[in-house]
Protein backbone atom coordinates (compact mmCIF):
# COMPACT_ATOMS: atom_id res chain seq x y z
CA UNK A 1 100.30 137.02 90.87
CA UNK A 2 102.68 133.83 90.29
CA UNK A 3 104.47 133.77 86.96
CA UNK A 4 102.56 131.06 85.50
CA UNK A 5 99.29 133.43 85.57
CA UNK A 6 101.35 136.35 84.71
CA UNK A 7 102.49 134.90 81.56
CA UNK A 8 98.88 134.22 80.30
CA UNK A 9 97.31 136.61 77.90
CA UNK A 10 94.78 139.15 79.65
CA UNK A 11 91.82 137.69 77.55
CA UNK A 12 92.52 134.24 79.43
CA UNK A 13 92.52 135.40 82.68
CA UNK A 14 89.35 137.48 82.21
CA UNK A 15 87.77 134.04 80.84
CA UNK A 16 88.92 132.03 83.87
CA UNK A 17 87.34 134.65 86.40
CA UNK A 18 84.21 134.45 84.24
CA UNK A 19 83.94 130.79 84.56
CA UNK A 20 84.89 130.88 88.21
CA UNK A 21 81.89 133.43 88.93
CA UNK A 22 79.34 131.09 87.00
CA UNK A 23 80.36 128.10 88.88
CA UNK A 24 80.11 129.91 92.20
CA UNK A 25 76.63 131.15 91.20
CA UNK A 26 75.36 127.63 90.17
CA UNK A 27 76.50 126.02 93.37
CA UNK A 28 74.37 128.72 95.35
CA UNK A 29 71.32 128.10 93.05
CA UNK A 30 68.63 125.95 94.94
CA UNK A 31 67.64 122.88 93.25
CA UNK A 32 64.36 122.81 91.43
CA UNK A 33 61.28 121.55 93.61
CA UNK A 34 59.95 118.30 92.34
CA UNK A 35 56.17 119.41 92.14
CA UNK A 36 55.01 116.07 90.84
CA UNK A 37 56.63 113.95 93.71
CA UNK A 38 54.29 110.82 94.46
CA UNK A 39 53.20 110.38 98.02
CA UNK A 40 55.27 108.45 100.34
CA UNK A 41 52.54 105.36 100.35
CA UNK A 42 52.46 105.54 96.60
CA UNK A 43 56.06 105.36 96.29
CA UNK A 44 56.08 102.32 98.72
CA UNK A 45 53.65 100.58 96.72
CA UNK A 46 55.74 101.16 93.64
CA UNK A 47 58.58 99.61 95.24
CA UNK A 48 56.90 96.65 96.38
CA UNK A 49 55.21 95.92 93.08
CA UNK A 50 58.68 96.34 91.25
CA UNK A 51 60.73 94.11 93.53
CA UNK A 52 57.98 91.21 94.16
CA UNK A 53 55.00 89.48 93.29
CA UNK A 54 52.23 91.09 95.54
CA UNK A 55 49.20 88.62 96.14
CA UNK A 56 46.86 91.15 97.83
CA UNK A 57 43.72 88.88 97.20
CA UNK A 58 45.16 86.34 99.23
CA UNK A 59 46.16 88.69 101.85
CA UNK A 60 42.51 89.79 102.23
CA UNK A 61 41.27 86.27 102.97
CA UNK A 62 42.89 86.23 106.22
CA UNK A 63 45.42 87.69 108.42
CA UNK A 64 47.29 84.51 108.54
CA UNK A 65 47.85 84.66 104.89
CA UNK A 66 49.11 88.16 105.23
CA UNK A 67 51.55 87.56 108.15
CA UNK A 68 53.05 84.17 106.77
CA UNK A 69 53.98 85.94 103.57
CA UNK A 70 57.16 87.38 103.43
CA UNK A 71 56.38 90.24 101.20
CA UNK A 72 52.84 90.81 103.04
CA UNK A 73 54.62 90.83 106.40
CA UNK A 74 57.18 93.68 105.19
CA UNK A 75 54.15 95.75 103.78
CA UNK A 76 52.12 95.17 107.00
CA UNK A 77 55.26 96.21 109.08
CA UNK A 78 55.71 99.33 107.01
CA UNK A 79 51.90 100.20 107.77
CA UNK A 80 52.47 99.65 111.58
CA UNK A 81 55.47 101.77 111.49
CA UNK A 82 53.22 104.66 110.10
CA UNK A 83 50.89 103.92 113.15
CA UNK A 84 53.90 103.68 115.63
CA UNK A 85 52.87 100.23 116.70
CA UNK A 86 55.48 98.14 115.06
CA UNK A 87 56.46 96.48 118.25
CA UNK A 88 53.62 94.10 117.99
CA UNK A 89 54.93 92.40 114.59
CA UNK A 90 58.61 92.71 115.86
CA UNK A 91 57.39 90.70 119.03
CA UNK A 92 55.45 88.10 116.97
CA UNK A 93 58.69 87.56 114.61
CA UNK A 94 61.08 87.33 117.88
CA UNK A 95 58.72 84.65 119.03
CA UNK A 96 59.00 82.89 115.65
CA UNK A 97 62.69 82.98 115.64
CA UNK A 98 62.81 81.77 119.19
CA UNK A 99 60.98 78.43 118.21
CA UNK A 100 63.67 77.84 115.69
CA UNK A 101 66.65 78.50 117.92
CA UNK A 102 68.84 75.86 119.33
CA UNK A 103 67.90 74.51 122.74
CA UNK A 104 71.12 75.81 124.42
CA UNK A 105 70.41 79.42 123.34
CA UNK A 106 66.76 79.66 124.47
CA UNK A 107 67.14 80.67 127.83
CA UNK A 108 69.23 83.81 127.05
CA UNK A 109 67.21 84.82 124.20
CA UNK A 110 63.84 84.24 126.10
CA UNK A 111 65.05 86.74 128.71
CA UNK A 112 65.85 89.20 126.02
CA UNK A 113 62.59 89.03 124.49
CA UNK A 114 60.72 89.26 127.84
CA UNK A 115 62.95 92.24 128.94
CA UNK A 116 62.21 93.94 125.46
CA UNK A 117 58.57 93.37 125.05
CA UNK A 118 56.78 91.90 128.02
CA UNK A 119 58.29 93.48 131.10
CA UNK A 120 56.26 96.27 132.63
CA UNK A 121 59.22 98.55 132.19
CA UNK A 122 60.36 97.20 128.63
CA UNK A 123 61.30 99.89 125.94
CA UNK A 124 58.97 98.23 123.46
CA UNK A 125 56.23 97.04 125.56
CA UNK A 126 53.32 95.09 123.72
CA UNK A 127 49.63 95.19 124.93
CA UNK A 128 49.40 92.16 127.24
CA UNK A 129 47.04 92.05 130.28
CA UNK A 130 48.79 91.40 133.68
CA UNK A 131 47.84 87.66 133.88
CA UNK A 132 49.55 86.93 130.58
CA UNK A 133 52.48 88.64 131.63
CA UNK A 134 52.92 86.95 134.90
CA UNK A 135 52.22 83.71 133.07
CA UNK A 136 54.87 84.31 130.61
CA UNK A 137 57.23 85.24 133.51
CA UNK A 138 56.67 81.75 135.14
CA UNK A 139 57.31 80.20 131.67
CA UNK A 140 60.68 81.46 131.56
CA UNK A 141 61.60 79.11 134.61
CA UNK A 142 61.11 76.09 132.33
CA UNK A 143 61.95 77.97 129.09
CA UNK A 144 60.91 75.56 126.20
CA UNK A 145 59.54 76.21 122.67
CA UNK A 146 56.39 77.07 124.07
CA UNK A 147 57.52 79.65 126.31
CA UNK A 148 55.70 82.67 124.57
CA UNK A 149 52.94 80.73 123.04
CA UNK A 150 50.28 82.52 124.96
CA UNK A 151 51.70 86.00 124.52
CA UNK A 152 52.19 85.56 120.74
CA UNK A 153 48.61 84.22 120.39
CA UNK A 154 47.22 87.31 122.34
CA UNK A 155 49.30 89.87 120.11
CA UNK A 156 48.33 87.93 116.84
CA UNK A 157 44.68 88.38 117.75
CA UNK A 158 45.09 91.88 118.57
CA UNK A 159 46.66 92.65 115.44
CA UNK A 160 44.19 90.52 113.54
CA UNK A 161 41.18 92.54 115.03
CA UNK A 162 42.73 95.88 114.82
CA UNK A 163 45.83 96.63 112.79
CA UNK A 164 45.02 94.18 110.03
CA UNK A 165 41.43 95.59 109.36
CA UNK A 166 42.87 99.26 109.22
CA UNK A 167 45.71 97.87 106.98
CA UNK A 168 43.07 96.54 104.48
CA UNK A 169 41.48 99.99 104.26
CA UNK A 170 45.07 101.96 104.23
CA UNK A 171 46.09 103.79 101.15
CA UNK A 172 49.19 101.69 101.04
CA UNK A 173 46.96 98.38 100.76
CA UNK A 174 45.01 100.14 97.91
CA UNK A 175 48.00 101.09 96.04
CA UNK A 176 49.43 97.45 96.32
CA UNK A 177 46.20 96.17 94.94
CA UNK A 178 46.32 98.18 91.64
CA UNK A 179 47.87 96.64 88.77
CA UNK A 180 51.42 97.37 88.19
CA UNK A 181 52.29 99.98 85.40
CA UNK A 182 55.73 99.04 84.84
CA UNK A 183 56.45 95.34 84.87
CA UNK A 184 60.28 95.83 84.61
CA UNK A 185 61.90 94.07 87.87
CA UNK A 186 64.14 96.11 90.01
CA UNK A 187 67.62 94.93 90.81
CA UNK A 188 66.58 93.25 94.10
CA UNK A 189 64.07 90.97 92.42
CA UNK A 190 67.35 89.68 90.26
CA UNK A 191 69.50 89.36 93.35
CA UNK A 192 66.35 87.42 94.94
CA UNK A 193 67.16 88.06 98.63
CA UNK A 194 64.12 88.90 101.09
CA UNK A 195 66.60 90.98 103.24
CA UNK A 196 67.59 93.44 100.40
CA UNK A 197 63.93 93.54 99.20
CA UNK A 198 62.81 94.53 102.64
CA UNK A 199 65.49 97.22 102.73
CA UNK A 200 64.32 98.37 99.30
CA UNK A 201 60.79 98.56 100.58
CA UNK A 202 61.79 100.20 103.91
CA UNK A 203 63.94 102.69 102.33
CA UNK A 204 61.06 104.16 100.46
CA UNK A 205 59.22 104.84 103.72
CA UNK A 206 61.92 106.33 105.71
């Protein structure tokens, strides 16, 4: 034992050992189980309503109203992720971004979109018929703003007739349709950036 500890009274040494023992016991003690944890979809709905205004009544009137609304699109993307079909909305968004690109960047971006979502060996292949795939392939040769119009339209209709209808019946949408219990806005609403809001929502679904 070093001189510093040897110089301490025996009672102090005993107290120090007791404290060390108690700390070790607390560190090994498992954390209490949260028995009343909200279901994941309920947490997601709460995150949305605390971060932004949710107009679910308008979303119900048409798929276009849902997908053109930033908050609605994030909620719908979250739903598609739960069904492992998010490539459809991601392709649709990539086409929208493509239309806004400078002309000089279109050719490279078009090739990337085709290889990622349309080609038969693409990692996130969307559900398109062979004729539309071939037409889109030919469109790459001229590569203008309408390059993906037909393919994007087909995927829009697919989501509208299939995923959108299930989304309106999902627990996530039903939770979003309920009036919020807490009107206190979260920090992201004050920041006012949609990207941060999307991260807020998606973090509740991870």
